[in-house]
C-alpha atoms as a PDB file:
ATOM      1  CA  MET A   1     -55.538  -3.523 -27.930  1.00  0.00           C
ATOM      2  CA  ARG A   2     -52.701  -1.308 -29.151  1.00  0.00           C
ATOM      3  CA  LYS A   3     -49.578  -3.293 -30.148  1.00  0.00           C
ATOM      4  CA  PHE A   4     -46.121  -1.749 -29.815  1.00  0.00           C
ATOM      5  CA  THR A   5     -42.519  -2.591 -28.923  1.00  0.00           C
ATOM      6  CA  CYS A   6     -40.565  -1.652 -25.827  1.00  0.00           C
ATOM      7  CA  ALA A   7     -38.202   0.298 -28.073  1.00  0.00           C
ATOM      8  CA  GLU A   8     -41.068   2.393 -29.333  1.00  0.00           C
ATOM      9  CA  PHE A   9     -42.120   3.003 -25.772  1.00  0.00           C
ATOM     10  CA  LYS A  10     -38.610   4.042 -24.788  1.00  0.00           C
ATOM     11  CA  ASN A  11     -38.303   6.302 -27.808  1.00  0.00           C
ATOM     12  CA  GLY A  12     -41.140   8.390 -26.562  1.00  0.00           C
ATOM     13  CA  LEU A  13     -44.112   7.020 -28.522  1.00  0.00           C
ATOM     14  CA  PHE A  14     -45.615   6.394 -25.117  1.00  0.00           C
ATOM     15  CA  SER A  15     -44.905   8.087 -21.845  1.00  0.00           C
ATOM     16  CA  SER A  16     -45.833   7.685 -18.235  1.00  0.00           C
ATOM     17  CA  ASP A  17     -48.419  10.399 -18.741  1.00  0.00           C
ATOM     18  CA  THR A  18     -50.343   8.375 -21.296  1.00  0.00           C
ATOM     19  CA  PHE A  19     -49.444   4.793 -20.319  1.00  0.00           C
ATOM     20  CA  ASP A  20     -49.513   3.329 -16.832  1.00  0.00           C
ATOM     21  CA  ASP A  21     -50.954   0.301 -15.070  1.00  0.00           C
ATOM     22  CA  ARG A  22     -54.484   1.532 -15.778  1.00  0.00           C
ATOM     23  CA  ASP A  23     -53.892   1.157 -19.536  1.00  0.00           C
ATOM     24  CA  ALA A  24     -52.746  -2.479 -19.331  1.00  0.00           C
ATOM     25  CA  GLU A  25     -55.902  -3.755 -21.045  1.00  0.00           C
ATOM     26  CA  ASN A  26     -55.433  -1.439 -24.005  1.00  0.00           C
ATOM     27  CA  VAL A  27     -51.672  -1.587 -24.649  1.00  0.00           C
ATOM     28  CA  ARG A  28     -49.292  -4.562 -24.919  1.00  0.00           C
ATOM     29  CA  CYS A  29     -45.678  -4.989 -26.045  1.00  0.00           C
ATOM     30  CA  ILE A  30     -45.407  -7.443 -28.939  1.00  0.00           C
ATOM     31  CA  GLN A  31     -41.826  -8.389 -27.904  1.00  0.00           C
ATOM     32  CA  CYS A  32     -41.880  -9.005 -24.166  1.00  0.00           C
ATOM     33  CA  ASP A  33     -45.655  -9.243 -23.709  1.00  0.00           C
ATOM     34  CA  GLN A  34     -45.511  -6.788 -20.800  1.00  0.00           C
ATOM     35  CA  THR A  35     -48.417  -4.496 -20.139  1.00  0.00           C
ATOM     36  CA  SER A  36     -47.563  -2.413 -17.081  1.00  0.00           C
ATOM     37  CA  TYR A  37     -45.591   0.778 -17.376  1.00  0.00           C
ATOM     38  CA  LYS A  38     -43.282  -0.289 -14.558  1.00  0.00           C
ATOM     39  CA  GLU A  39     -42.427  -3.625 -16.195  1.00  0.00           C
ATOM     40  CA  ILE A  40     -41.822  -2.041 -19.559  1.00  0.00           C
ATOM     41  CA  ASN A  41     -39.712   0.677 -17.987  1.00  0.00           C
ATOM     42  CA  GLU A  42     -37.415  -1.728 -16.058  1.00  0.00           C
ATOM     43  CA  ILE A  43     -36.895  -4.860 -18.143  1.00  0.00           C
ATOM     44  CA  PRO A  44     -35.911  -3.249 -21.431  1.00  0.00           C
ATOM     45  CA  MET A  45     -33.508  -0.973 -19.539  1.00  0.00           C
ATOM     46  CA  LYS A  46     -31.701  -4.012 -18.075  1.00  0.00           C
ATOM     47  CA  GLN A  47     -31.475  -5.450 -21.534  1.00  0.00           C
ATOM     48  CA  PHE A  48     -30.187  -2.125 -22.805  1.00  0.00           C
ATOM     49  CA  LEU A  49     -27.454  -1.902 -20.115  1.00  0.00           C
ATOM     50  CA  ALA A  50     -26.277  -5.480 -20.738  1.00  0.00           C
ATOM     51  CA  THR A  51     -26.113  -4.853 -24.478  1.00  0.00           C
ATOM     52  CA  THR A  52     -24.227  -1.590 -23.935  1.00  0.00           C
ATOM     53  CA  ALA A  53     -21.674  -3.263 -21.640  1.00  0.00           C
ATOM     54  CA  LEU A  54     -21.008  -6.018 -24.154  1.00  0.00           C
ATOM     55  CA  THR A  55     -20.616  -3.469 -26.929  1.00  0.00           C
ATOM     56  CA  MET A  56     -18.103  -1.480 -24.861  1.00  0.00           C
ATOM     57  CA  VAL A  57     -16.049  -4.623 -24.187  1.00  0.00           C
ATOM     58  CA  LEU A  58     -15.939  -5.457 -27.869  1.00  0.00           C
ATOM     59  CA  ILE A  59     -15.043  -1.905 -28.826  1.00  0.00           C
ATOM     60  CA  GLY A  60     -12.423  -1.680 -26.063  1.00  0.00           C
ATOM     61  CA  GLY A  61     -10.809  -4.905 -27.254  1.00  0.00           C
ATOM     62  CA  ASN A  62     -10.593  -3.573 -30.781  1.00  0.00           C
ATOM     63  CA  VAL A  63      -9.027  -0.327 -29.579  1.00  0.00           C
ATOM     64  CA  PHE A  64      -6.448  -2.230 -27.522  1.00  0.00           C
ATOM     65  CA  ALA A  65      -5.579  -4.422 -30.476  1.00  0.00           C
ATOM     66  CA  ALA A  66      -5.237  -1.359 -32.678  1.00  0.00           C
ATOM     67  CA  ASN A  67      -2.445  -0.069 -30.423  1.00  0.00           C
ATOM     68  CA  ILE A  68      -0.281  -3.196 -30.971  1.00  0.00           C
ATOM     69  CA  ALA A  69       2.187  -2.861 -33.805  1.00  0.00           C
ATOM     70  CA  PRO A  70       1.616  -5.467 -36.504  1.00  0.00           C
ATOM     71  CA  MET A  71       4.067  -8.366 -36.476  1.00  0.00           C
ATOM     72  CA  THR A  72       5.860  -9.150 -39.692  1.00  0.00           C
ATOM     73  CA  MET A  73       6.593 -12.835 -40.171  1.00  0.00           C
ATOM     74  CA  TYR A  74      10.056 -13.844 -41.363  1.00  0.00           C
ATOM     75  CA  GLU A  75      10.506 -15.525 -44.708  1.00  0.00           C
ATOM     76  CA  GLN A  76      13.438 -17.925 -44.783  1.00  0.00           C
ATOM     77  CA  GLN A  77      16.133 -17.226 -47.345  1.00  0.00           C
ATOM     78  CA  PRO A  78      17.898 -19.950 -49.364  1.00  0.00           C
ATOM     79  CA  SER A  79      21.220 -19.184 -47.660  1.00  0.00           C
ATOM     80  CA  ASP A  80      19.801 -19.419 -44.124  1.00  0.00           C
ATOM     81  CA  ILE A  81      20.853 -22.327 -41.914  1.00  0.00           C
ATOM     82  CA  MET A  82      18.544 -24.125 -39.504  1.00  0.00           C
ATOM     83  CA  ALA A  83      19.933 -24.349 -35.966  1.00  0.00           C
ATOM     84  CA  SER A  84      18.871 -27.995 -35.735  1.00  0.00           C
ATOM     85  CA  LYS A  85      21.093 -28.737 -38.724  1.00  0.00           C
ATOM     86  CA  PHE A  86      23.959 -26.514 -37.581  1.00  0.00           C
ATOM     87  CA  ILE A  87      24.296 -28.380 -34.276  1.00  0.00           C
ATOM     88  CA  GLY A  88      26.035 -31.629 -35.084  1.00  0.00           C
ATOM     89  CA  MET A  89      28.011 -30.327 -38.053  1.00  0.00           C
ATOM     90  CA  ARG A  90      31.716 -31.128 -38.273  1.00  0.00           C
ATOM     91  CA  LEU A  91      34.262 -28.361 -37.886  1.00  0.00           C
ATOM     92  CA  TYR A  92      37.572 -28.440 -39.720  1.00  0.00           C
ATOM     93  CA  SER A  93      40.827 -26.642 -39.010  1.00  0.00           C
ATOM     94  CA  THR A  94      43.586 -25.615 -41.349  1.00  0.00           C
ATOM     95  CA  GLU A  95      46.574 -23.334 -41.144  1.00  0.00           C
ATOM     96  CA  THR A  96      45.790 -22.048 -44.628  1.00  0.00           C
ATOM     97  CA  GLU A  97      44.174 -18.617 -44.509  1.00  0.00           C
ATOM     98  CA  MET A  98      40.427 -18.859 -45.133  1.00  0.00           C
ATOM     99  CA  ASN A  99      38.017 -15.996 -45.701  1.00  0.00           C
ATOM    100  CA  ALA A 100      34.244 -15.804 -45.784  1.00  0.00           C
ATOM    101  CA  ASP A 101      34.236 -15.781 -49.588  1.00  0.00           C
ATOM    102  CA  THR A 102      36.769 -18.582 -50.006  1.00  0.00           C
ATOM    103  CA  ALA A 103      35.661 -21.355 -52.362  1.00  0.00           C
ATOM    104  CA  VAL A 104      37.405 -24.702 -52.685  1.00  0.00           C
ATOM    105  CA  LYS A 105      37.132 -27.715 -54.932  1.00  0.00           C
ATOM    106  CA  PRO A 106      35.180 -30.801 -53.800  1.00  0.00           C
ATOM    107  CA  GLY A 107      37.362 -33.039 -51.658  1.00  0.00           C
ATOM    108  CA  ALA A 108      39.449 -30.194 -50.228  1.00  0.00           C
ATOM    109  CA  GLU A 109      38.379 -31.170 -46.704  1.00  0.00           C
ATOM    110  CA  LYS A 110      40.623 -34.240 -46.933  1.00  0.00           C
ATOM    111  CA  GLU A 111      43.610 -31.954 -46.443  1.00  0.00           C
ATOM    112  CA  TRP A 112      42.122 -30.392 -43.300  1.00  0.00           C
ATOM    113  CA  ASP A 113      41.872 -31.690 -39.733  1.00  0.00           C
ATOM    114  CA  ASP A 114      38.410 -32.810 -38.633  1.00  0.00           C
ATOM    115  CA  ILE A 115      38.607 -31.417 -35.118  1.00  0.00           C
ATOM    116  CA  GLY A 116      35.152 -32.173 -33.788  1.00  0.00           C
ATOM    117  CA  GLU A 117      31.419 -31.675 -33.786  1.00  0.00           C
ATOM    118  CA  VAL A 118      29.325 -28.639 -32.871  1.00  0.00           C
ATOM    119  CA  ASN A 119      27.673 -29.564 -29.565  1.00  0.00           C
ATOM    120  CA  GLU A 120      26.072 -26.271 -28.610  1.00  0.00           C
ATOM    121  CA  VAL A 121      25.488 -22.709 -29.760  1.00  0.00           C
ATOM    122  CA  ILE A 122      25.853 -19.705 -27.440  1.00  0.00           C
ATOM    123  CA  LEU A 123      23.513 -16.783 -28.167  1.00  0.00           C
ATOM    124  CA  SER A 124      23.421 -13.247 -26.848  1.00  0.00           C
ATOM    125  CA  ARG A 125      20.113 -11.857 -25.571  1.00  0.00           C
ATOM    126  CA  GLN A 126      19.870  -9.974 -28.861  1.00  0.00           C
ATOM    127  CA  GLY A 127      19.862 -13.291 -30.729  1.00  0.00           C
ATOM    128  CA  GLU A 128      23.409 -13.013 -32.077  1.00  0.00           C
ATOM    129  CA  VAL A 129      25.441 -16.228 -32.258  1.00  0.00           C
ATOM    130  CA  LYS A 130      28.458 -15.486 -30.082  1.00  0.00           C
ATOM    131  CA  ALA A 131      30.240 -18.843 -30.115  1.00  0.00           C
ATOM    132  CA  VAL A 132      29.921 -22.541 -30.809  1.00  0.00           C
ATOM    133  CA  VAL A 133      30.877 -25.203 -28.292  1.00  0.00           C
ATOM    134  CA  LEU A 134      32.978 -27.907 -29.874  1.00  0.00           C
ATOM    135  CA  GLY A 135      34.124 -31.270 -28.557  1.00  0.00           C
ATOM    136  CA  VAL A 136      37.819 -31.573 -29.521  1.00  0.00           C
ATOM    137  CA  GLY A 137      38.970 -34.201 -27.037  1.00  0.00           C
ATOM    138  CA  GLY A 138      38.924 -36.999 -29.585  1.00  0.00           C
ATOM    139  CA  PHE A 139      40.993 -35.038 -32.057  1.00  0.00           C
ATOM    140  CA  LEU A 140      43.538 -34.122 -29.381  1.00  0.00           C
ATOM    141  CA  GLY A 141      43.606 -37.633 -27.947  1.00  0.00           C
ATOM    142  CA  ILE A 142      43.036 -36.390 -24.400  1.00  0.00           C
ATOM    143  CA  GLY A 143      39.556 -37.627 -23.642  1.00  0.00           C
ATOM    144  CA  GLU A 144      36.686 -35.172 -23.312  1.00  0.00           C
ATOM    145  CA  LYS A 145      37.413 -31.507 -23.842  1.00  0.00           C
ATOM    146  CA  ASP A 146      35.054 -28.788 -25.033  1.00  0.00           C
ATOM    147  CA  VAL A 147      36.159 -25.406 -26.307  1.00  0.00           C
ATOM    148  CA  ALA A 148      34.069 -22.351 -27.175  1.00  0.00           C
ATOM    149  CA  ILE A 149      35.165 -20.930 -30.528  1.00  0.00           C
ATOM    150  CA  PRO A 150      33.933 -17.408 -31.353  1.00  0.00           C
ATOM    151  CA  MET A 151      31.533 -17.412 -34.269  1.00  0.00           C
ATOM    152  CA  LYS A 152      33.503 -14.656 -35.976  1.00  0.00           C
ATOM    153  CA  ASP A 153      36.453 -17.059 -36.355  1.00  0.00           C
ATOM    154  CA  ILE A 154      34.417 -19.722 -38.138  1.00  0.00           C
ATOM    155  CA  LYS A 155      34.263 -19.479 -41.926  1.00  0.00           C
ATOM    156  CA  PHE A 156      31.645 -20.947 -44.247  1.00  0.00           C
ATOM    157  CA  VAL A 157      33.777 -22.319 -47.069  1.00  0.00           C
ATOM    158  CA  LYS A 158      31.862 -23.281 -50.222  1.00  0.00           C
ATOM    159  CA  ASP A 159      32.729 -26.334 -52.246  1.00  0.00           C
ATOM    160  CA  GLY A 160      29.860 -26.170 -54.750  1.00  0.00           C
ATOM    161  CA  ASP A 161      27.009 -24.095 -56.136  1.00  0.00           C
ATOM    162  CA  ASP A 162      24.194 -25.377 -53.922  1.00  0.00           C
ATOM    163  CA  ALA A 163      23.262 -23.686 -50.668  1.00  0.00           C
ATOM    164  CA  ASP A 164      24.249 -26.808 -48.712  1.00  0.00           C
ATOM    165  CA  ASP A 165      27.672 -27.105 -50.325  1.00  0.00           C
ATOM    166  CA  TYR A 166      29.876 -25.675 -47.589  1.00  0.00           C
ATOM    167  CA  PHE A 167      32.167 -26.611 -44.722  1.00  0.00           C
ATOM    168  CA  LEU A 168      32.771 -24.973 -41.338  1.00  0.00           C
ATOM    169  CA  VAL A 169      36.453 -24.102 -41.156  1.00  0.00           C
ATOM    170  CA  VAL A 170      38.611 -22.345 -38.568  1.00  0.00           C
ATOM    171  CA  ASN A 171      42.215 -21.203 -38.963  1.00  0.00           C
ATOM    172  CA  ALA A 172      43.910 -23.141 -36.160  1.00  0.00           C
ATOM    173  CA  ASN A 173      46.221 -26.053 -35.466  1.00  0.00           C
ATOM    174  CA  LYS A 174      46.401 -28.841 -32.931  1.00  0.00           C
ATOM    175  CA  GLN A 175      48.647 -26.952 -30.526  1.00  0.00           C
ATOM    176  CA  MET A 176      46.300 -23.969 -30.417  1.00  0.00           C
ATOM    177  CA  LEU A 177      43.379 -26.221 -29.512  1.00  0.00           C
ATOM    178  CA  THR A 178      45.486 -28.019 -26.912  1.00  0.00           C
ATOM    179  CA  ASP A 179      46.366 -24.704 -25.244  1.00  0.00           C
ATOM    180  CA  ALA A 180      42.821 -23.328 -25.482  1.00  0.00           C
ATOM    181  CA  PRO A 181      40.964 -23.192 -22.150  1.00  0.00           C
ATOM    182  CA  ALA A 182      38.329 -25.864 -21.688  1.00  0.00           C
ATOM    183  CA  TYR A 183      34.757 -24.644 -21.852  1.00  0.00           C
ATOM    184  CA  VAL A 184      32.700 -25.289 -18.726  1.00  0.00           C
ATOM    185  CA  ALA A 185      29.017 -24.405 -18.836  1.00  0.00           C
ATOM    186  CA  PRO A 186      27.847 -22.310 -15.880  1.00  0.00           C
ATOM    187  CA  THR A 187      25.758 -24.454 -13.556  1.00  0.00           C
ATOM    188  CA  ALA A 188      23.833 -21.622 -11.882  1.00  0.00           C
ATOM    189  CA  MET A 189      23.550 -17.878 -11.821  1.00  0.00           C
ATOM    190  CA  THR A 190      26.058 -16.484  -9.349  1.00  0.00           C
ATOM    191  CA  THR A 191      24.941 -13.922  -6.840  1.00  0.00           C
ATOM    192  CA  ALA A 192      26.385 -10.452  -6.940  1.00  0.00           C
ATOM    193  CA  THR A 193      29.203  -9.698  -4.536  1.00  0.00           C
ATOM    194  CA  PRO A 194      27.834  -7.702  -1.601  1.00  0.00           C
ATOM    195  CA  PRO A 195      29.176  -4.163  -1.204  1.00  0.00           C
ATOM    196  CA  ALA A 196      32.231  -3.846   1.003  1.00  0.00           C
ATOM    197  CA  SER A 197      30.118  -1.928   3.536  1.00  0.00           C
ATOM    198  CA  GLN A 198      28.067  -5.101   4.082  1.00  0.00           C
ATOM    199  CA  THR A 199      31.015  -7.500   4.400  1.00  0.00           C
ATOM    200  CA  ALA A 200      33.548  -5.403   6.317  1.00  0.00           C
ATOM    201  CA  MET A 201      33.966  -6.273   9.983  1.00  0.00           C
ATOM    202  CA  VAL A 202      34.282  -3.373  12.413  1.00  0.00           C
ATOM    203  CA  ARG A 203      35.433  -3.155  16.009  1.00  0.00           C
ATOM    204  CA  PRO A 204      32.388  -3.287  18.312  1.00  0.00           C
ATOM    205  CA  ASP A 205      31.948  -0.817  21.139  1.00  0.00           C
ATOM    206  CA  VAL A 206      30.875  -3.059  24.017  1.00  0.00           C
ATOM    207  CA  LYS A 207      31.001  -2.703  27.772  1.00  0.00           C
ATOM    208  CA  ARG A 208      30.478  -5.536  30.235  1.00  0.00           C
ATOM    209  CA  ASP A 209      30.310  -5.458  34.016  1.00  0.00           C
ATOM    210  CA  GLY A 210      33.458  -6.926  35.514  1.00  0.00           C
ATOM    211  CA  TYR A 211      35.382  -6.654  32.215  1.00  0.00           C
ATOM    212  CA  ARG A 212      37.617  -3.991  30.771  1.00  0.00           C
ATOM    213  CA  ALA A 213      39.147  -3.364  27.344  1.00  0.00           C
ATOM    214  CA  THR A 214      42.602  -4.868  27.160  1.00  0.00           C
ATOM    215  CA  GLU A 215      45.649  -3.957  25.130  1.00  0.00           C
ATOM    216  CA  LEU A 216      47.711  -6.659  23.467  1.00  0.00           C
ATOM    217  CA  THR A 217      50.694  -5.637  25.534  1.00  0.00           C
ATOM    218  CA  ASP A 218      48.848  -7.021  28.556  1.00  0.00           C
ATOM    219  CA  LEU A 219      48.299 -10.411  26.917  1.00  0.00           C
ATOM    220  CA  THR A 220      50.338 -13.355  25.742  1.00  0.00           C
ATOM    221  CA  SER A 221      49.650 -15.650  22.820  1.00  0.00           C
ATOM    222  CA  GLU A 222      48.527 -18.254  25.371  1.00  0.00           C
ATOM    223  CA  ASN A 223      45.884 -15.832  26.654  1.00  0.00           C
ATOM    224  CA  LEU A 224      44.456 -15.239  23.161  1.00  0.00           C
ATOM    225  CA  THR A 225      44.723 -18.718  21.687  1.00  0.00           C
ATOM    226  CA  GLY A 226      41.523 -20.533  22.605  1.00  0.00           C
ATOM    227  CA  ALA A 227      39.742 -17.358  23.738  1.00  0.00           C
ATOM    228  CA  LYS A 228      35.994 -17.362  23.140  1.00  0.00           C
ATOM    229  CA  VAL A 229      34.639 -15.100  20.394  1.00  0.00           C
ATOM    230  CA  TYR A 230      31.329 -13.332  20.997  1.00  0.00           C
ATOM    231  CA  GLY A 231      28.953 -11.142  19.067  1.00  0.00           C
ATOM    232  CA  PRO A 232      27.690  -7.783  20.346  1.00  0.00           C
ATOM    233  CA  LYS A 233      24.751  -9.535  22.057  1.00  0.00           C
ATOM    234  CA  ASP A 234      27.024 -12.088  23.740  1.00  0.00           C
ATOM    235  CA  GLU A 235      26.164 -14.811  21.235  1.00  0.00           C
ATOM    236  CA  ASN A 236      28.921 -17.423  21.184  1.00  0.00           C
ATOM    237  CA  ILE A 237      30.420 -17.268  17.676  1.00  0.00           C
ATOM    238  CA  GLY A 238      33.507 -19.452  18.062  1.00  0.00           C
ATOM    239  CA  GLU A 239      37.026 -19.274  19.389  1.00  0.00           C
ATOM    240  CA  VAL A 240      40.477 -17.990  18.458  1.00  0.00           C
ATOM    241  CA  ASP A 241      42.392 -20.823  16.842  1.00  0.00           C
ATOM    242  CA  LYS A 242      45.719 -19.120  16.156  1.00  0.00           C
ATOM    243  CA  LEU A 243      47.460 -15.789  15.591  1.00  0.00           C
ATOM    244  CA  VAL A 244      48.894 -14.419  12.355  1.00  0.00           C
ATOM    245  CA  LEU A 245      51.974 -12.274  12.992  1.00  0.00           C
ATOM    246  CA  ASN A 246      53.643  -9.463  11.093  1.00  0.00           C
ATOM    247  CA  ALA A 247      57.322  -9.661  10.171  1.00  0.00           C
ATOM    248  CA  ASP A 248      58.205  -7.780  13.380  1.00  0.00           C
ATOM    249  CA  GLY A 249      56.333 -10.289  15.537  1.00  0.00           C
ATOM    250  CA  SER A 250      53.299  -8.103  16.239  1.00  0.00           C
ATOM    251  CA  VAL A 251      49.805  -9.581  15.878  1.00  0.00           C
ATOM    252  CA  LYS A 252      48.244  -8.938  12.491  1.00  0.00           C
ATOM    253  CA  GLN A 253      45.136 -11.143  12.504  1.00  0.00           C
ATOM    254  CA  LEU A 254      43.206 -13.503  14.739  1.00  0.00           C
ATOM    255  CA  VAL A 255      42.237 -16.768  13.044  1.00  0.00           C
ATOM    256  CA  MET A 256      38.822 -17.792  14.352  1.00  0.00           C
ATOM    257  CA  ASP A 257      36.939 -21.070  14.014  1.00  0.00           C
ATOM    258  CA  ILE A 258      33.307 -20.059  13.518  1.00  0.00           C
ATOM    259  CA  GLY A 259      32.023 -23.162  11.719  1.00  0.00           C
ATOM    260  CA  GLY A 260      29.823 -24.271  14.603  1.00  0.00           C
ATOM    261  CA  PHE A 261      28.038 -20.924  14.743  1.00  0.00           C
ATOM    262  CA  LEU A 262      27.423 -21.018  10.984  1.00  0.00           C
ATOM    263  CA  GLY A 263      26.348 -24.665  11.064  1.00  0.00           C
ATOM    264  CA  MET A 264      28.919 -25.690   8.480  1.00  0.00           C
ATOM    265  CA  GLY A 265      31.585 -27.695  10.327  1.00  0.00           C
ATOM    266  CA  GLU A 266      35.104 -26.326  10.642  1.00  0.00           C
ATOM    267  CA  HIS A 267      35.375 -22.914   9.018  1.00  0.00           C
ATOM    268  CA  HIS A 268      38.175 -20.467   9.760  1.00  0.00           C
ATOM    269  CA  ILE A 269      38.386 -16.776   8.989  1.00  0.00           C
ATOM    270  CA  ALA A 270      41.214 -14.307   9.668  1.00  0.00           C
ATOM    271  CA  VAL A 271      40.001 -11.093  11.314  1.00  0.00           C
ATOM    272  CA  PRO A 272      42.258  -8.003  11.453  1.00  0.00           C
ATOM    273  CA  LEU A 273      43.294  -6.967  14.930  1.00  0.00           C
ATOM    274  CA  GLU A 274      41.671  -3.540  14.513  1.00  0.00           C
ATOM    275  CA  SER A 275      38.292  -5.201  13.924  1.00  0.00           C
ATOM    276  CA  VAL A 276      38.040  -6.907  17.316  1.00  0.00           C
ATOM    277  CA  ASN A 277      37.504  -5.728  20.876  1.00  0.00           C
ATOM    278  CA  ILE A 278      39.453  -7.789  23.392  1.00  0.00           C
ATOM    279  CA  MET A 279      38.142  -7.721  26.973  1.00  0.00           C
ATOM    280  CA  ARG A 280      39.450  -9.292  30.167  1.00  0.00           C
ATOM    281  CA  ASP A 281      37.827  -9.780  33.549  1.00  0.00           C
ATOM    282  CA  GLU A 282      39.165  -8.095  36.650  1.00  0.00           C
ATOM    283  CA  LYS A 283      40.933 -11.247  37.835  1.00  0.00           C
ATOM    284  CA  GLY A 284      42.593 -11.717  34.458  1.00  0.00           C
ATOM    285  CA  ASP A 285      41.354 -15.290  34.124  1.00  0.00           C
ATOM    286  CA  ASP A 286      38.785 -14.848  31.351  1.00  0.00           C
ATOM    287  CA  VAL A 287      39.661 -13.268  27.994  1.00  0.00           C
ATOM    288  CA  ARG A 288      36.871 -12.539  25.518  1.00  0.00           C
ATOM    289  CA  VAL A 289      37.089 -11.394  21.913  1.00  0.00           C
ATOM    290  CA  TYR A 290      34.118  -9.438  20.545  1.00  0.00           C
ATOM    291  CA  VAL A 291      33.285  -8.897  16.882  1.00  0.00           C
ATOM    292  CA  ASP A 292      30.476  -6.744  15.557  1.00  0.00           C
ATOM    293  CA  SER A 293      29.190  -9.008  12.807  1.00  0.00           C
ATOM    294  CA  THR A 294      26.038 -10.744  11.606  1.00  0.00           C
ATOM    295  CA  GLU A 295      25.835 -14.337  10.400  1.00  0.00           C
ATOM    296  CA  GLU A 296      25.565 -13.080   6.804  1.00  0.00           C
ATOM    297  CA  THR A 297      28.720 -10.981   7.179  1.00  0.00           C
ATOM    298  CA  LEU A 298      30.638 -13.873   8.685  1.00  0.00           C
ATOM    299  CA  LYS A 299      29.625 -16.161   5.823  1.00  0.00           C
ATOM    300  CA  ALA A 300      30.834 -13.520   3.359  1.00  0.00           C
ATOM    301  CA  GLN A 301      34.353 -13.528   4.819  1.00  0.00           C
ATOM    302  CA  PRO A 302      36.950 -15.473   2.812  1.00  0.00           C
ATOM    303  CA  GLU A 303      37.887 -18.781   4.381  1.00  0.00           C
ATOM    304  CA  TYR A 304      41.331 -18.810   5.956  1.00  0.00           C
ATOM    305  CA  LYS A 305      43.633 -21.541   4.746  1.00  0.00           C
ATOM    306  CA  GLU A 306      47.170 -22.313   5.839  1.00  0.00           C
ATOM    307  CA  ASN A 307      49.800 -20.705   3.537  1.00  0.00           C
END
């Protein structure tokens, strides 16, 4: 019996013209022990495709990795300061001019004011230290008060030859820190103010059977005060609570209570007269005020407060 490998068969040492099922007793693969031409033709090909796919994955991964720029690791310098050590350091103030290269003798800090401790560091998205948050309430004797001091105003003043021989000093006095605005950390990201086109209220063009548009000259303050306010689809939005007048006595705004519609209790807004459509029934008994506004637009209106 002729011994061979499937690879030899595939490489053309044997072909379907010279090897088929009739030659099974004379030829056998020494790797897979197959004898028929069909078996030898199919099984090694599956093995070949699987091996090829794996090779392509490995090659593809190497090509992808080759397109990534190498990352250079940072080597810390002796003058660098660890953030974990920086937070918690004491900050001193003095009215004496201090520069970045100022050096003092040991014990010089006794003549300065110890104004507080670094509680937090504020970074830009580029990694630059923009400010340090400092608790100065104890120094000022006013309880808790944090201030954010720009990093550019803080000087590293050396008092020795070692890298750790320095103080954090700012040119300031007690009155300056007392007058400085208190730092309040933002509690959440504020949403952008909607464009005026989305918050402006416009006069709706509505027509209702049995009602007609009414001029203010046909109404009294008693007619308007307490009038129901409706949306363009006759949704009940609220009611007119009071009128805001111009210096000449003409109506400037209608103050509406729309809290119930918004589900937020009492909530008043002042709507300009030109932004409403006032309608009255034929008998003159029912006065309606229409506004063309969505719930979102109404919520965006500033709340009206007395004075």
